[in-house]
Protein backbone atom coordinates (compact mmCIF):
# COMPACT_ATOMS: atom_id res chain seq x y z
CA MET A 1 8.71 -59.94 53.75
CA SER A 2 10.31 -57.71 51.92
CA ASN A 3 11.76 -60.52 49.48
CA LYS A 4 8.54 -60.54 48.23
CA LYS A 5 7.06 -59.21 44.68
CA ASN A 6 4.29 -56.52 44.70
CA ASN A 7 1.14 -57.97 43.50
CA ASN A 8 -0.53 -54.82 43.23
CA GLN A 9 0.90 -53.65 40.08
CA PRO A 10 -0.27 -54.30 36.55
CA PRO A 11 1.73 -56.70 33.96
CA GLN A 12 4.25 -54.33 31.94
CA LEU A 13 2.82 -54.61 28.52
CA ALA A 14 5.49 -53.83 25.18
CA SER A 15 4.63 -51.40 23.11
CA ASN A 16 3.76 -53.44 20.43
CA ASP A 17 0.88 -54.59 22.67
CA ILE A 18 0.04 -50.73 23.89
CA SER A 19 -0.25 -50.28 19.47
CA THR A 20 -2.40 -53.79 19.34
CA ILE A 21 -5.06 -52.89 21.55
CA GLN A 22 -4.98 -49.48 20.41
CA ASN A 23 -5.53 -50.63 17.09
CA ILE A 24 -7.78 -52.96 18.59
CA LEU A 25 -10.34 -50.76 19.95
CA PHE A 26 -9.79 -47.13 18.18
CA GLY A 27 -8.22 -48.88 14.53
CA GLN A 28 -11.40 -48.36 12.26
CA HIS A 29 -12.32 -44.92 14.14
CA ILE A 30 -8.13 -43.68 13.67
CA GLN A 31 -8.36 -44.73 10.41
CA GLU A 32 -11.06 -42.70 9.44
CA ILE A 33 -9.59 -39.75 11.99
CA GLU A 34 -6.25 -40.49 9.48
CA LYS A 35 -8.39 -40.33 6.51
CA HIS A 36 -10.42 -36.97 7.19
CA PHE A 37 -6.61 -35.33 8.46
CA ASN A 38 -4.94 -35.78 5.53
CA SER A 39 -8.09 -34.77 3.19
CA LEU A 40 -8.14 -31.35 5.40
CA GLU A 41 -4.23 -30.86 5.13
CA GLY A 42 -4.26 -31.41 1.28
CA GLN A 43 -7.24 -28.45 1.86
CA ILE A 44 -5.75 -26.31 3.43
CA GLY A 45 -2.68 -26.95 1.04
CA ASN A 46 -4.96 -26.18 -2.29
CA THR A 47 -6.53 -22.92 -0.48
CA LYS A 48 -2.74 -21.82 0.67
CA ASP A 49 -1.67 -22.26 -2.91
CA GLU A 50 -5.05 -20.22 -4.47
CA GLN A 51 -4.27 -18.13 -1.68
CA ALA A 52 -1.07 -17.40 -3.00
CA LYS A 53 -2.60 -16.86 -6.19
CA ASN A 54 -4.70 -14.78 -5.51
CA LEU A 55 -2.41 -12.33 -3.93
CA GLN A 56 -0.05 -12.39 -6.83
CA GLU A 57 -2.68 -11.07 -8.91
CA LEU A 58 -3.83 -8.83 -6.51
CA LYS A 59 -0.42 -7.24 -6.34
CA LYS A 60 0.07 -7.16 -9.84
CA GLN A 61 -3.40 -5.45 -10.32
CA THR A 62 -2.67 -2.39 -7.42
CA ASP A 63 1.16 -1.83 -9.54
CA SER A 64 -0.75 -1.62 -12.33
CA ARG A 65 -3.15 0.96 -11.07
CA LEU A 66 -0.62 2.49 -8.53
CA ASP A 67 1.47 3.01 -12.50
CA ASP A 68 -1.33 4.62 -13.99
CA LEU A 69 -2.61 7.02 -11.38
CA GLU A 70 1.72 7.86 -10.92
CA LYS A 71 1.60 9.15 -14.57
CA LYS A 72 -2.08 10.36 -14.51
CA TYR A 73 -0.99 13.08 -11.72
CA ALA A 74 2.21 13.32 -13.46
CA LYS A 75 0.86 14.87 -16.52
CA LYS A 76 -1.30 16.89 -14.79
CA ILE A 77 1.28 18.26 -12.16
CA GLU A 78 3.05 19.45 -15.96
CA GLY A 79 0.06 20.82 -17.30
CA LEU A 80 -0.60 22.71 -13.68
CA GLU A 81 3.27 24.08 -14.08
CA GLU A 82 3.04 24.87 -17.50
CA LYS A 83 0.05 27.07 -16.74
CA LEU A 84 1.35 28.41 -13.66
CA GLY A 85 4.81 29.65 -16.00
CA GLN A 86 1.85 31.33 -18.30
CA GLN A 87 0.25 32.58 -15.67
CA VAL A 88 3.68 33.78 -13.59
CA GLU A 89 4.73 35.86 -17.32
CA ALA A 90 1.39 37.17 -17.93
CA LEU A 91 1.97 38.74 -14.12
CA GLU A 92 5.29 40.07 -14.84
CA GLN A 93 3.54 41.37 -18.32
CA GLN A 94 1.19 43.42 -16.49
CA ILE A 95 3.29 44.66 -14.06
CA ALA A 96 6.39 46.01 -16.89
CA ASN A 97 3.15 48.06 -18.57
CA VAL A 98 2.13 49.13 -14.85
CA SER A 99 5.48 50.74 -14.75
CA LYS A 100 5.74 51.74 -17.69
CA SER A 101 2.50 53.46 -17.78
CA ASP A 102 3.51 55.32 -14.60
CA LYS A 103 6.72 56.65 -15.90
CA GLN A 104 4.93 57.66 -18.74
CA ASN A 105 1.92 58.92 -16.15
CA LEU A 106 4.59 60.80 -14.46
CA ALA A 107 6.58 62.17 -16.66
CA ALA A 108 3.36 64.05 -18.07
CA MET A 109 2.88 65.03 -14.44
CA LEU A 110 6.12 66.49 -14.78
CA GLN A 111 6.59 68.19 -17.27
CA GLN A 112 2.87 69.70 -16.29
CA LEU A 113 4.23 71.10 -12.82
CA SER A 114 7.50 72.63 -14.60
CA VAL A 115 5.39 74.47 -17.40
CA SER A 116 3.27 75.49 -14.07
CA LEU A 117 6.25 76.64 -12.14
CA ILE A 118 7.58 78.56 -15.46
CA LYS A 119 4.62 80.35 -16.34
CA ALA A 120 4.26 81.16 -12.44
CA GLU A 121 7.45 83.13 -12.68
């Protein structure tokens, strides 16, 4: 009995036979699916290209706007620095004038004090 072949096993099919059977059973559907798949691949490729172009354009616009903002705020900062410098100079002048005025007032008070002391003697 050990020499008998097992008849319960299905016959072995060659890969060509399998492909032929697949083509017979699914041939039309597979072709439609492949056609649709290729169409989708093309659309995805076009979309990727379009998105890359849009991204580049957006980058250019963003860079341009950032450059404009940088120039605008650089001018504003320069103006503020100049205005601050002018205000500092004005304050220094006021301090110098106040000091000069205080010195003159102090000198006048000392003169009056000395006159008062001389008269009191």
